[in-house]
Amino acid sequence: MNPVLVARAQRLFNLVGGGWPLLHLRSFQCVFGPKSEEWLQRTTAGLLATADWSMLFTPAGAVRQARRTGLGTAVTLLAVDLVYVPIGRIRPTHLLDAAMQIGWLLAWRRCGRLGPPAGR
């Protein structure tokens, strides 16, 4: 599996997911449930979209950084989904996101171990 393509695909997925509540919060809340702190939802979405926009055009030399960011993002979002769905804080539709995050973790695993950076 090509790690550059995995990085770009994950970033695009997260960019769309992060942009959705920024562009149309009402439709996002129809699917994932209303939140009492809209400012926090928008802040989280903005941070996710910003981080992923910068990683969307990952050059081949930055794959190690993209992998770290991709793994960290997937683990964090998966943990939120798996902790807060069972206690009823967020809707079960978040388990769809959990499945995608597991998919990203598996995709990075299929890329194998990345070698040392060039020049070493």
PDB file of N, CA and C in Angstrom:
ATOM      1  N   MET A   1       0.851  -1.174   0.000  1.00  0.00           N
ATOM      2  CA  MET A   1       0.000   0.000   0.000  1.00  0.00           C
ATOM      3  C   MET A   1       0.899   1.240   0.000  1.00  0.00           C
ATOM      4  N   ASN A   2       0.555   2.209  -0.795  1.00  0.00           N
ATOM      5  CA  ASN A   2       1.360   3.420  -0.940  1.00  0.00           C
ATOM      6  C   ASN A   2       1.067   4.400   0.205  1.00  0.00           C
ATOM      7  N   PRO A   3       2.051   4.704   1.062  1.00  0.00           N
ATOM      8  CA  PRO A   3       1.810   5.577   2.206  1.00  0.00           C
ATOM      9  C   PRO A   3       1.442   7.012   1.822  1.00  0.00           C
ATOM     10  N   VAL A   4       1.926   7.490   0.691  1.00  0.00           N
ATOM     11  CA  VAL A   4       1.555   8.846   0.259  1.00  0.00           C
ATOM     12  C   VAL A   4       0.065   8.893  -0.062  1.00  0.00           C
ATOM     13  N   LEU A   5      -0.430   7.851  -0.738  1.00  0.00           N
ATOM     14  CA  LEU A   5      -1.858   7.812  -1.059  1.00  0.00           C
ATOM     15  C   LEU A   5      -2.715   7.648   0.192  1.00  0.00           C
ATOM     16  N   VAL A   6      -2.253   6.847   1.150  1.00  0.00           N
ATOM     17  CA  VAL A   6      -2.984   6.697   2.412  1.00  0.00           C
ATOM     18  C   VAL A   6      -3.052   8.038   3.131  1.00  0.00           C
ATOM     19  N   ALA A   7      -1.926   8.733   3.196  1.00  0.00           N
ATOM     20  CA  ALA A   7      -1.890  10.044   3.861  1.00  0.00           C
ATOM     21  C   ALA A   7      -2.865  11.013   3.208  1.00  0.00           C
ATOM     22  N   ARG A   8      -2.837  11.079   1.905  1.00  0.00           N
ATOM     23  CA  ARG A   8      -3.713  12.020   1.201  1.00  0.00           C
ATOM     24  C   ARG A   8      -5.183  11.647   1.353  1.00  0.00           C
ATOM     25  N   ALA A   9      -5.488  10.355   1.282  1.00  0.00           N
ATOM     26  CA  ALA A   9      -6.882   9.912   1.422  1.00  0.00           C
ATOM     27  C   ALA A   9      -7.408  10.195   2.829  1.00  0.00           C
ATOM     28  N   GLN A  10      -6.598   9.908   3.842  1.00  0.00           N
ATOM     29  CA  GLN A  10      -7.027  10.149   5.222  1.00  0.00           C
ATOM     30  C   GLN A  10      -7.225  11.641   5.452  1.00  0.00           C
ATOM     31  N   ARG A  11      -6.323  12.433   4.934  1.00  0.00           N
ATOM     32  CA  ARG A  11      -6.431  13.880   5.111  1.00  0.00           C
ATOM     33  C   ARG A  11      -7.677  14.423   4.426  1.00  0.00           C
ATOM     34  N   LEU A  12      -7.970  13.917   3.239  1.00  0.00           N
ATOM     35  CA  LEU A  12      -9.160  14.369   2.529  1.00  0.00           C
ATOM     36  C   LEU A  12     -10.422  13.989   3.309  1.00  0.00           C
ATOM     37  N   PHE A  13     -10.450  12.756   3.823  1.00  0.00           N
ATOM     38  CA  PHE A  13     -11.584  12.303   4.631  1.00  0.00           C
ATOM     39  C   PHE A  13     -11.773  13.210   5.848  1.00  0.00           C
ATOM     40  N   ASN A  14     -10.686  13.493   6.554  1.00  0.00           N
ATOM     41  CA  ASN A  14     -10.779  14.326   7.755  1.00  0.00           C
ATOM     42  C   ASN A  14     -11.060  15.788   7.416  1.00  0.00           C
ATOM     43  N   LEU A  15     -10.584  16.243   6.281  1.00  0.00           N
ATOM     44  CA  LEU A  15     -10.863  17.615   5.851  1.00  0.00           C
ATOM     45  C   LEU A  15     -12.357  17.787   5.584  1.00  0.00           C
ATOM     46  N   VAL A  16     -12.942  16.817   4.912  1.00  0.00           N
ATOM     47  CA  VAL A  16     -14.382  16.868   4.652  1.00  0.00           C
ATOM     48  C   VAL A  16     -15.151  16.757   5.971  1.00  0.00           C
ATOM     49  N   GLY A  17     -14.751  15.815   6.821  1.00  0.00           N
ATOM     50  CA  GLY A  17     -15.422  15.651   8.116  1.00  0.00           C
ATOM     51  C   GLY A  17     -15.281  16.870   9.005  1.00  0.00           C
ATOM     52  N   GLY A  18     -14.127  17.491   8.977  1.00  0.00           N
ATOM     53  CA  GLY A  18     -13.915  18.696   9.778  1.00  0.00           C
ATOM     54  C   GLY A  18     -14.614  19.902   9.184  1.00  0.00           C
ATOM     55  N   GLY A  19     -14.721  19.931   7.859  1.00  0.00           N
ATOM     56  CA  GLY A  19     -15.366  21.068   7.216  1.00  0.00           C
ATOM     57  C   GLY A  19     -16.881  21.048   7.303  1.00  0.00           C
ATOM     58  N   TRP A  20     -17.452  19.858   7.389  1.00  0.00           N
ATOM     59  CA  TRP A  20     -18.909  19.734   7.396  1.00  0.00           C
ATOM     60  C   TRP A  20     -19.569  20.581   8.475  1.00  0.00           C
ATOM     61  N   PRO A  21     -19.197  20.434   9.759  1.00  0.00           N
ATOM     62  CA  PRO A  21     -19.870  21.268  10.770  1.00  0.00           C
ATOM     63  C   PRO A  21     -19.552  22.752  10.627  1.00  0.00           C
ATOM     64  N   LEU A  22     -18.468  23.082   9.983  1.00  0.00           N
ATOM     65  CA  LEU A  22     -18.160  24.498   9.758  1.00  0.00           C
ATOM     66  C   LEU A  22     -19.048  25.083   8.659  1.00  0.00           C
ATOM     67  N   LEU A  23     -19.349  24.266   7.664  1.00  0.00           N
ATOM     68  CA  LEU A  23     -20.146  24.739   6.537  1.00  0.00           C
ATOM     69  C   LEU A  23     -21.646  24.640   6.777  1.00  0.00           C
ATOM     70  N   HIS A  24     -22.083  23.580   7.481  1.00  0.00           N
ATOM     71  CA  HIS A  24     -23.516  23.404   7.721  1.00  0.00           C
ATOM     72  C   HIS A  24     -23.731  22.623   9.010  1.00  0.00           C
ATOM     73  N   LEU A  25     -23.642  23.339  10.120  1.00  0.00           N
ATOM     74  CA  LEU A  25     -23.720  22.722  11.449  1.00  0.00           C
ATOM     75  C   LEU A  25     -25.045  21.987  11.655  1.00  0.00           C
ATOM     76  N   ARG A  26     -26.140  22.539  11.143  1.00  0.00           N
ATOM     77  CA  ARG A  26     -27.447  21.924  11.378  1.00  0.00           C
ATOM     78  C   ARG A  26     -27.538  20.521  10.788  1.00  0.00           C
ATOM     79  N   SER A  27     -27.054  20.325   9.552  1.00  0.00           N
ATOM     80  CA  SER A  27     -27.116  18.984   8.961  1.00  0.00           C
ATOM     81  C   SER A  27     -26.164  18.023   9.677  1.00  0.00           C
ATOM     82  N   PHE A  28     -25.020  18.537  10.111  1.00  0.00           N
ATOM     83  CA  PHE A  28     -24.081  17.707  10.865  1.00  0.00           C
ATOM     84  C   PHE A  28     -24.737  17.224  12.159  1.00  0.00           C
ATOM     85  N   GLN A  29     -25.430  18.120  12.844  1.00  0.00           N
ATOM     86  CA  GLN A  29     -26.089  17.755  14.103  1.00  0.00           C
ATOM     87  C   GLN A  29     -27.283  16.841  13.893  1.00  0.00           C
ATOM     88  N   CYS A  30     -27.909  16.897  12.721  1.00  0.00           N
ATOM     89  CA  CYS A  30     -28.993  15.958  12.423  1.00  0.00           C
ATOM     90  C   CYS A  30     -28.471  14.522  12.387  1.00  0.00           C
ATOM     91  N   VAL A  31     -27.265  14.352  11.900  1.00  0.00           N
ATOM     92  CA  VAL A  31     -26.673  13.021  11.796  1.00  0.00           C
ATOM     93  C   VAL A  31     -26.013  12.594  13.100  1.00  0.00           C
ATOM     94  N   PHE A  32     -25.213  13.491  13.679  1.00  0.00           N
ATOM     95  CA  PHE A  32     -24.400  13.117  14.838  1.00  0.00           C
ATOM     96  C   PHE A  32     -24.931  13.633  16.171  1.00  0.00           C
ATOM     97  N   GLY A  33     -26.039  14.329  16.143  1.00  0.00           N
ATOM     98  CA  GLY A  33     -26.674  14.780  17.372  1.00  0.00           C
ATOM     99  C   GLY A  33     -26.289  16.194  17.751  1.00  0.00           C
ATOM    100  N   PRO A  34     -27.233  16.876  18.409  1.00  0.00           N
ATOM    101  CA  PRO A  34     -26.959  18.241  18.850  1.00  0.00           C
ATOM    102  C   PRO A  34     -25.918  18.250  19.965  1.00  0.00           C
ATOM    103  N   LYS A  35     -25.178  19.309  20.014  1.00  0.00           N
ATOM    104  CA  LYS A  35     -24.152  19.476  21.050  1.00  0.00           C
ATOM    105  C   LYS A  35     -24.481  20.740  21.841  1.00  0.00           C
ATOM    106  N   SER A  36     -24.233  20.693  23.121  1.00  0.00           N
ATOM    107  CA  SER A  36     -24.537  21.854  23.955  1.00  0.00           C
ATOM    108  C   SER A  36     -23.525  22.972  23.761  1.00  0.00           C
ATOM    109  N   GLU A  37     -22.343  22.635  23.321  1.00  0.00           N
ATOM    110  CA  GLU A  37     -21.280  23.626  23.138  1.00  0.00           C
ATOM    111  C   GLU A  37     -20.922  23.724  21.659  1.00  0.00           C
ATOM    112  N   GLU A  38     -21.687  24.518  20.910  1.00  0.00           N
ATOM    113  CA  GLU A  38     -21.434  24.647  19.480  1.00  0.00           C
ATOM    114  C   GLU A  38     -20.060  25.249  19.198  1.00  0.00           C
ATOM    115  N   TRP A  39     -19.613  26.157  20.034  1.00  0.00           N
ATOM    116  CA  TRP A  39     -18.297  26.772  19.821  1.00  0.00           C
ATOM    117  C   TRP A  39     -17.202  25.707  19.898  1.00  0.00           C
ATOM    118  N   LEU A  40     -17.357  24.740  20.800  1.00  0.00           N
ATOM    119  CA  LEU A  40     -16.358  23.684  20.933  1.00  0.00           C
ATOM    120  C   LEU A  40     -16.388  22.757  19.726  1.00  0.00           C
ATOM    121  N   GLN A  41     -17.581  22.477  19.235  1.00  0.00           N
ATOM    122  CA  GLN A  41     -17.712  21.639  18.043  1.00  0.00           C
ATOM    123  C   GLN A  41     -17.057  22.322  16.842  1.00  0.00           C
ATOM    124  N   ARG A  42     -17.289  23.603  16.702  1.00  0.00           N
ATOM    125  CA  ARG A  42     -16.692  24.339  15.586  1.00  0.00           C
ATOM    126  C   ARG A  42     -15.176  24.457  15.741  1.00  0.00           C
ATOM    127  N   THR A  43     -14.712  24.629  16.973  1.00  0.00           N
ATOM    128  CA  THR A  43     -13.268  24.713  17.210  1.00  0.00           C
ATOM    129  C   THR A  43     -12.590  23.394  16.846  1.00  0.00           C
ATOM    130  N   THR A  44     -13.165  22.296  17.306  1.00  0.00           N
ATOM    131  CA  THR A  44     -12.616  20.979  16.988  1.00  0.00           C
ATOM    132  C   THR A  44     -12.619  20.743  15.484  1.00  0.00           C
ATOM    133  N   ALA A  45     -13.721  21.065  14.842  1.00  0.00           N
ATOM    134  CA  ALA A  45     -13.818  20.889  13.391  1.00  0.00           C
ATOM    135  C   ALA A  45     -12.778  21.742  12.673  1.00  0.00           C
ATOM    136  N   GLY A  46     -12.608  22.972  13.118  1.00  0.00           N
ATOM    137  CA  GLY A  46     -11.633  23.858  12.489  1.00  0.00           C
ATOM    138  C   GLY A  46     -10.209  23.365  12.652  1.00  0.00           C
ATOM    139  N   LEU A  47      -9.883  22.875  13.831  1.00  0.00           N
ATOM    140  CA  LEU A  47      -8.542  22.343  14.057  1.00  0.00           C
ATOM    141  C   LEU A  47      -8.292  21.098  13.213  1.00  0.00           C
ATOM    142  N   LEU A  48      -9.283  20.235  13.145  1.00  0.00           N
ATOM    143  CA  LEU A  48      -9.140  19.023  12.335  1.00  0.00           C
ATOM    144  C   LEU A  48      -8.975  19.385  10.862  1.00  0.00           C
ATOM    145  N   ALA A  49      -9.804  20.279  10.373  1.00  0.00           N
ATOM    146  CA  ALA A  49      -9.723  20.684   8.969  1.00  0.00           C
ATOM    147  C   ALA A  49      -8.402  21.381   8.662  1.00  0.00           C
ATOM    148  N   THR A  50      -7.940  22.232   9.560  1.00  0.00           N
ATOM    149  CA  THR A  50      -6.685  22.950   9.335  1.00  0.00           C
ATOM    150  C   THR A  50      -5.498  22.000   9.299  1.00  0.00           C
ATOM    151  N   ALA A  51      -5.415  21.103  10.257  1.00  0.00           N
ATOM    152  CA  ALA A  51      -4.313  20.139  10.294  1.00  0.00           C
ATOM    153  C   ALA A  51      -4.322  19.269   9.043  1.00  0.00           C
ATOM    154  N   ASP A  52      -5.493  18.861   8.646  1.00  0.00           N
ATOM    155  CA  ASP A  52      -5.572  17.965   7.508  1.00  0.00           C
ATOM    156  C   ASP A  52      -5.379  18.684   6.178  1.00  0.00           C
ATOM    157  N   TRP A  53      -5.751  19.935   6.092  1.00  0.00           N
ATOM    158  CA  TRP A  53      -5.487  20.702   4.868  1.00  0.00           C
ATOM    159  C   TRP A  53      -3.980  20.762   4.618  1.00  0.00           C
ATOM    160  N   SER A  54      -3.231  20.987   5.698  1.00  0.00           N
ATOM    161  CA  SER A  54      -1.785  21.102   5.531  1.00  0.00           C
ATOM    162  C   SER A  54      -1.152  19.764   5.154  1.00  0.00           C
ATOM    163  N   MET A  55      -1.777  18.663   5.522  1.00  0.00           N
ATOM    164  CA  MET A  55      -1.230  17.341   5.233  1.00  0.00           C
ATOM    165  C   MET A  55      -1.758  16.754   3.922  1.00  0.00           C
ATOM    166  N   LEU A  56      -2.766  17.383   3.334  1.00  0.00           N
ATOM    167  CA  LEU A  56      -3.390  16.831   2.132  1.00  0.00           C
ATOM    168  C   LEU A  56      -2.395  16.678   0.992  1.00  0.00           C
ATOM    169  N   PHE A  57      -1.485  17.615   0.862  1.00  0.00           N
ATOM    170  CA  PHE A  57      -0.536  17.587  -0.239  1.00  0.00           C
ATOM    171  C   PHE A  57       0.828  17.093   0.246  1.00  0.00           C
ATOM    172  N   THR A  58       0.829  15.967   0.927  1.00  0.00           N
ATOM    173  CA  THR A  58       2.028  15.387   1.503  1.00  0.00           C
ATOM    174  C   THR A  58       3.042  15.021   0.428  1.00  0.00           C
ATOM    175  N   PRO A  59       4.224  15.647   0.473  1.00  0.00           N
ATOM    176  CA  PRO A  59       5.268  15.211  -0.464  1.00  0.00           C
ATOM    177  C   PRO A  59       5.848  13.878   0.009  1.00  0.00           C
ATOM    178  N   ALA A  60       6.444  13.159  -0.903  1.00  0.00           N
ATOM    179  CA  ALA A  60       6.988  11.840  -0.572  1.00  0.00           C
ATOM    180  C   ALA A  60       7.972  11.902   0.594  1.00  0.00           C
ATOM    181  N   GLY A  61       8.728  12.993   0.729  1.00  0.00           N
ATOM    182  CA  GLY A  61       9.708  13.114   1.807  1.00  0.00           C
ATOM    183  C   GLY A  61       9.105  13.354   3.176  1.00  0.00           C
ATOM    184  N   ALA A  62       7.816  13.637   3.244  1.00  0.00           N
ATOM    185  CA  ALA A  62       7.176  13.935   4.535  1.00  0.00           C
ATOM    186  C   ALA A  62       6.247  12.819   4.992  1.00  0.00           C
ATOM    187  N   VAL A  63       6.392  11.632   4.445  1.00  0.00           N
ATOM    188  CA  VAL A  63       5.488  10.533   4.759  1.00  0.00           C
ATOM    189  C   VAL A  63       5.578  10.118   6.227  1.00  0.00           C
ATOM    190  N   ARG A  64       6.765  10.155   6.793  1.00  0.00           N
ATOM    191  CA  ARG A  64       6.904   9.766   8.212  1.00  0.00           C
ATOM    192  C   ARG A  64       6.082  10.700   9.100  1.00  0.00           C
ATOM    193  N   GLN A  65       6.136  11.988   8.823  1.00  0.00           N
ATOM    194  CA  GLN A  65       5.347  12.951   9.594  1.00  0.00           C
ATOM    195  C   GLN A  65       3.850  12.736   9.346  1.00  0.00           C
ATOM    196  N   ALA A  66       3.481  12.485   8.100  1.00  0.00           N
ATOM    197  CA  ALA A  66       2.077  12.225   7.780  1.00  0.00           C
ATOM    198  C   ALA A  66       1.580  10.987   8.504  1.00  0.00           C
ATOM    199  N   ARG A  67       2.418   9.970   8.579  1.00  0.00           N
ATOM    200  CA  ARG A  67       2.030   8.742   9.274  1.00  0.00           C
ATOM    201  C   ARG A  67       1.799   9.013  10.756  1.00  0.00           C
ATOM    202  N   ARG A  68       2.705   9.752  11.380  1.00  0.00           N
ATOM    203  CA  ARG A  68       2.530  10.080  12.809  1.00  0.00           C
ATOM    204  C   ARG A  68       1.246  10.861  13.032  1.00  0.00           C
ATOM    205  N   THR A  69       1.008  11.845  12.188  1.00  0.00           N
ATOM    206  CA  THR A  69      -0.201  12.645  12.313  1.00  0.00           C
ATOM    207  C   THR A  69      -1.441  11.796  12.047  1.00  0.00           C
ATOM    208  N   GLY A  70      -1.382  10.962  11.025  1.00  0.00           N
ATOM    209  CA  GLY A  70      -2.509  10.097  10.693  1.00  0.00           C
ATOM    210  C   GLY A  70      -2.841   9.106  11.789  1.00  0.00           C
ATOM    211  N   LEU A  71      -1.813   8.472  12.324  1.00  0.00           N
ATOM    212  CA  LEU A  71      -2.034   7.520  13.415  1.00  0.00           C
ATOM    213  C   LEU A  71      -2.562   8.222  14.667  1.00  0.00           C
ATOM    214  N   GLY A  72      -1.967   9.355  14.985  1.00  0.00           N
ATOM    215  CA  GLY A  72      -2.408  10.101  16.174  1.00  0.00           C
ATOM    216  C   GLY A  72      -3.834  10.584  16.053  1.00  0.00           C
ATOM    217  N   THR A  73      -4.197  11.083  14.877  1.00  0.00           N
ATOM    218  CA  THR A  73      -5.558  11.543  14.649  1.00  0.00           C
ATOM    219  C   THR A  73      -6.544  10.386  14.753  1.00  0.00           C
ATOM    220  N   ALA A  74      -6.223   9.268  14.105  1.00  0.00           N
ATOM    221  CA  ALA A  74      -7.119   8.112  14.115  1.00  0.00           C
ATOM    222  C   ALA A  74      -7.300   7.556  15.519  1.00  0.00           C
ATOM    223  N   VAL A  75      -6.225   7.439  16.280  1.00  0.00           N
ATOM    224  CA  VAL A  75      -6.322   6.914  17.645  1.00  0.00           C
ATOM    225  C   VAL A  75      -7.154   7.854  18.525  1.00  0.00           C
ATOM    226  N   THR A  76      -6.931   9.156  18.391  1.00  0.00           N
ATOM    227  CA  THR A  76      -7.664  10.123  19.205  1.00  0.00           C
ATOM    228  C   THR A  76      -9.160  10.086  18.892  1.00  0.00           C
ATOM    229  N   LEU A  77      -9.504  10.143  17.601  1.00  0.00           N
ATOM    230  CA  LEU A  77     -10.920  10.137  17.231  1.00  0.00           C
ATOM    231  C   LEU A  77     -11.583   8.805  17.574  1.00  0.00           C
ATOM    232  N   LEU A  78     -10.865   7.705  17.408  1.00  0.00           N
ATOM    233  CA  LEU A  78     -11.398   6.393  17.783  1.00  0.00           C
ATOM    234  C   LEU A  78     -11.660   6.322  19.279  1.00  0.00           C
ATOM    235  N   ALA A  79     -10.732   6.823  20.074  1.00  0.00           N
ATOM    236  CA  ALA A  79     -10.910   6.806  21.533  1.00  0.00           C
ATOM    237  C   ALA A  79     -12.140   7.611  21.947  1.00  0.00           C
ATOM    238  N   VAL A  80     -12.326   8.776  21.357  1.00  0.00           N
ATOM    239  CA  VAL A  80     -13.502   9.595  21.677  1.00  0.00           C
ATOM    240  C   VAL A  80     -14.781   8.828  21.340  1.00  0.00           C
ATOM    241  N   ASP A  81     -14.813   8.227  20.158  1.00  0.00           N
ATOM    242  CA  ASP A  81     -16.000   7.469  19.756  1.00  0.00           C
ATOM    243  C   ASP A  81     -16.275   6.311  20.698  1.00  0.00           C
ATOM    244  N   LEU A  82     -15.238   5.560  21.055  1.00  0.00           N
ATOM    245  CA  LEU A  82     -15.427   4.360  21.872  1.00  0.00           C
ATOM    246  C   LEU A  82     -15.684   4.659  23.347  1.00  0.00           C
ATOM    247  N   VAL A  83     -15.295   5.819  23.801  1.00  0.00           N
ATOM    248  CA  VAL A  83     -15.553   6.196  25.195  1.00  0.00           C
ATOM    249  C   VAL A  83     -16.935   6.840  25.343  1.00  0.00           C
ATOM    250  N   TYR A  84     -17.278   7.743  24.435  1.00  0.00           N
ATOM    251  CA  TYR A  84     -18.478   8.548  24.639  1.00  0.00           C
ATOM    252  C   TYR A  84     -19.756   7.977  24.043  1.00  0.00           C
ATOM    253  N   VAL A  85     -19.691   7.044  23.089  1.00  0.00           N
ATOM    254  CA  VAL A  85     -20.912   6.392  22.612  1.00  0.00           C
ATOM    255  C   VAL A  85     -21.497   5.498  23.707  1.00  0.00           C
ATOM    256  N   PRO A  86     -20.707   4.614  24.331  1.00  0.00           N
ATOM    257  CA  PRO A  86     -21.290   3.723  25.337  1.00  0.00           C
ATOM    258  C   PRO A  86     -21.930   4.439  26.536  1.00  0.00           C
ATOM    259  N   ILE A  87     -21.428   5.605  26.902  1.00  0.00           N
ATOM    260  CA  ILE A  87     -22.018   6.302  28.054  1.00  0.00           C
ATOM    261  C   ILE A  87     -23.148   7.237  27.634  1.00  0.00           C
ATOM    262  N   GLY A  88     -23.468   7.247  26.334  1.00  0.00           N
ATOM    263  CA  GLY A  88     -24.597   8.021  25.842  1.00  0.00           C
ATOM    264  C   GLY A  88     -24.335   9.506  25.650  1.00  0.00           C
ATOM    265  N   ARG A  89     -23.098   9.913  25.690  1.00  0.00           N
ATOM    266  CA  ARG A  89     -22.761  11.336  25.521  1.00  0.00           C
ATOM    267  C   ARG A  89     -22.846  11.763  24.056  1.00  0.00           C
ATOM    268  N   ILE A  90     -22.537  10.823  23.147  1.00  0.00           N
ATOM    269  CA  ILE A  90     -22.673  11.079  21.715  1.00  0.00           C
ATOM    270  C   ILE A  90     -23.473   9.932  21.094  1.00  0.00           C
ATOM    271  N   ARG A  91     -24.069  10.212  19.958  1.00  0.00           N
ATOM    272  CA  ARG A  91     -24.942   9.235  19.281  1.00  0.00           C
ATOM    273  C   ARG A  91     -24.166   8.031  18.743  1.00  0.00           C
ATOM    274  N   PRO A  92     -24.867   6.889  18.639  1.00  0.00           N
ATOM    275  CA  PRO A  92     -24.247   5.698  18.055  1.00  0.00           C
ATOM    276  C   PRO A  92     -23.772   5.888  16.611  1.00  0.00           C
ATOM    277  N   THR A  93     -24.263   6.912  15.912  1.00  0.00           N
ATOM    278  CA  THR A  93     -23.768   7.152  14.546  1.00  0.00           C
ATOM    279  C   THR A  93     -22.269   7.438  14.553  1.00  0.00           C
ATOM    280  N   HIS A  94     -21.726   7.818  15.688  1.00  0.00           N
ATOM    281  CA  HIS A  94     -20.283   8.041  15.792  1.00  0.00           C
ATOM    282  C   HIS A  94     -19.504   6.738  15.633  1.00  0.00           C
ATOM    283  N   LEU A  95     -20.192   5.602  15.772  1.00  0.00           N
ATOM    284  CA  LEU A  95     -19.511   4.320  15.555  1.00  0.00           C
ATOM    285  C   LEU A  95     -19.149   4.136  14.080  1.00  0.00           C
ATOM    286  N   LEU A  96     -19.848   4.833  13.179  1.00  0.00           N
ATOM    287  CA  LEU A  96     -19.446   4.827  11.767  1.00  0.00           C
ATOM    288  C   LEU A  96     -18.069   5.472  11.633  1.00  0.00           C
ATOM    289  N   ASP A  97     -17.864   6.552  12.358  1.00  0.00           N
ATOM    290  CA  ASP A  97     -16.550   7.195  12.361  1.00  0.00           C
ATOM    291  C   ASP A  97     -15.512   6.274  12.991  1.00  0.00           C
ATOM    292  N   ALA A  98     -15.894   5.585  14.057  1.00  0.00           N
ATOM    293  CA  ALA A  98     -14.956   4.651  14.703  1.00  0.00           C
ATOM    294  C   ALA A  98     -14.499   3.590  13.709  1.00  0.00           C
ATOM    295  N   ALA A  99     -15.430   3.087  12.910  1.00  0.00           N
ATOM    296  CA  ALA A  99     -15.065   2.078  11.902  1.00  0.00           C
ATOM    297  C   ALA A  99     -14.078   2.653  10.885  1.00  0.00           C
ATOM    298  N   MET A 100     -14.288   3.896  10.485  1.00  0.00           N
ATOM    299  CA  MET A 100     -13.353   4.532   9.548  1.00  0.00           C
ATOM    300  C   MET A 100     -11.979   4.712  10.184  1.00  0.00           C
ATOM    301  N   GLN A 101     -11.943   5.092  11.448  1.00  0.00           N
ATOM    302  CA  GLN A 101     -10.654   5.292  12.125  1.00  0.00           C
ATOM    303  C   GLN A 101      -9.896   3.972  12.225  1.00  0.00           C
ATOM    304  N   ILE A 102     -10.614   2.893  12.491  1.00  0.00           N
ATOM    305  CA  ILE A 102      -9.969   1.566  12.491  1.00  0.00           C
ATOM    306  C   ILE A 102      -9.425   1.264  11.096  1.00  0.00           C
ATOM    307  N   GLY A 103     -10.185   1.635  10.085  1.00  0.00           N
ATOM    308  CA  GLY A 103      -9.725   1.447   8.709  1.00  0.00           C
ATOM    309  C   GLY A 103      -8.433   2.194   8.425  1.00  0.00           C
ATOM    310  N   TRP A 104      -8.325   3.438   8.914  1.00  0.00           N
ATOM    311  CA  TRP A 104      -7.083   4.209   8.714  1.00  0.00           C
ATOM    312  C   TRP A 104      -5.920   3.553   9.448  1.00  0.00           C
ATOM    313  N   LEU A 105      -6.159   3.059  10.656  1.00  0.00           N
ATOM    314  CA  LEU A 105      -5.086   2.390  11.393  1.00  0.00           C
ATOM    315  C   LEU A 105      -4.606   1.146  10.637  1.00  0.00           C
ATOM    316  N   LEU A 106      -5.554   0.385  10.096  1.00  0.00           N
ATOM    317  CA  LEU A 106      -5.184  -0.813   9.324  1.00  0.00           C
ATOM    318  C   LEU A 106      -4.458  -0.442   8.032  1.00  0.00           C
ATOM    319  N   ALA A 107      -4.891   0.637   7.396  1.00  0.00           N
ATOM    320  CA  ALA A 107      -4.222   1.069   6.162  1.00  0.00           C
ATOM    321  C   ALA A 107      -2.774   1.444   6.438  1.00  0.00           C
ATOM    322  N   TRP A 108      -2.538   2.188   7.529  1.00  0.00           N
ATOM    323  CA  TRP A 108      -1.157   2.549   7.881  1.00  0.00           C
ATOM    324  C   TRP A 108      -0.346   1.299   8.216  1.00  0.00           C
ATOM    325  N   ARG A 109      -0.977   0.336   8.852  1.00  0.00           N
ATOM    326  CA  ARG A 109      -0.265  -0.905   9.174  1.00  0.00           C
ATOM    327  C   ARG A 109       0.134  -1.642   7.892  1.00  0.00           C
ATOM    328  N   ARG A 110      -0.751  -1.642   6.907  1.00  0.00           N
ATOM    329  CA  ARG A 110      -0.452  -2.304   5.635  1.00  0.00           C
ATOM    330  C   ARG A 110       0.673  -1.611   4.884  1.00  0.00           C
ATOM    331  N   CYS A 111       0.901  -0.337   5.181  1.00  0.00           N
ATOM    332  CA  CYS A 111       2.013   0.374   4.530  1.00  0.00           C
ATOM    333  C   CYS A 111       3.351  -0.163   5.016  1.00  0.00           C
ATOM    334  N   GLY A 112       3.336  -0.851   6.139  1.00  0.00           N
ATOM    335  CA  GLY A 112       4.572  -1.381   6.691  1.00  0.00           C
ATOM    336  C   GLY A 112       5.372  -0.314   7.389  1.00  0.00           C
ATOM    337  N   ARG A 113       6.487  -0.730   7.911  1.00  0.00           N
ATOM    338  CA  ARG A 113       7.379   0.177   8.616  1.00  0.00           C
ATOM    339  C   ARG A 113       8.088   1.064   7.596  1.00  0.00           C
ATOM    340  N   LEU A 114       8.041   2.350   7.862  1.00  0.00           N
ATOM    341  CA  LEU A 114       8.730   3.284   6.962  1.00  0.00           C
ATOM    342  C   LEU A 114      10.201   3.331   7.318  1.00  0.00           C
ATOM    343  N   GLY A 115      11.036   3.340   6.320  1.00  0.00           N
ATOM    344  CA  GLY A 115      12.476   3.375   6.532  1.00  0.00           C
ATOM    345  C   GLY A 115      12.935   4.700   7.103  1.00  0.00           C
ATOM    346  N   PRO A 116      14.237   4.830   7.392  1.00  0.00           N
ATOM    347  CA  PRO A 116      14.766   6.082   7.909  1.00  0.00           C
ATOM    348  C   PRO A 116      14.653   7.195   6.882  1.00  0.00           C
ATOM    349  N   PRO A 117      14.599   8.447   7.334  1.00  0.00           N
ATOM    350  CA  PRO A 117      14.530   9.555   6.395  1.00  0.00           C
ATOM    351  C   PRO A 117      15.734   9.554   5.464  1.00  0.00           C
ATOM    352  N   ALA A 118      15.559  10.122   4.284  1.00  0.00           N
ATOM    353  CA  ALA A 118      16.640  10.181   3.296  1.00  0.00           C
ATOM    354  C   ALA A 118      17.834  10.923   3.874  1.00  0.00           C
ATOM    355  N   GLY A 119      19.030  10.482   3.526  1.00  0.00           N
ATOM    356  CA  GLY A 119      20.250  11.141   3.989  1.00  0.00           C
ATOM    357  C   GLY A 119      20.811  10.540   5.262  1.00  0.00           C
ATOM    358  N   ARG A 120      20.185   9.504   5.766  1.00  0.00           N
ATOM    359  CA  ARG A 120      20.701   8.868   6.990  1.00  0.00           C
ATOM    360  C   ARG A 120      21.242   7.517   6.716  1.00  0.00           C
TER     361      ARG A 120
END
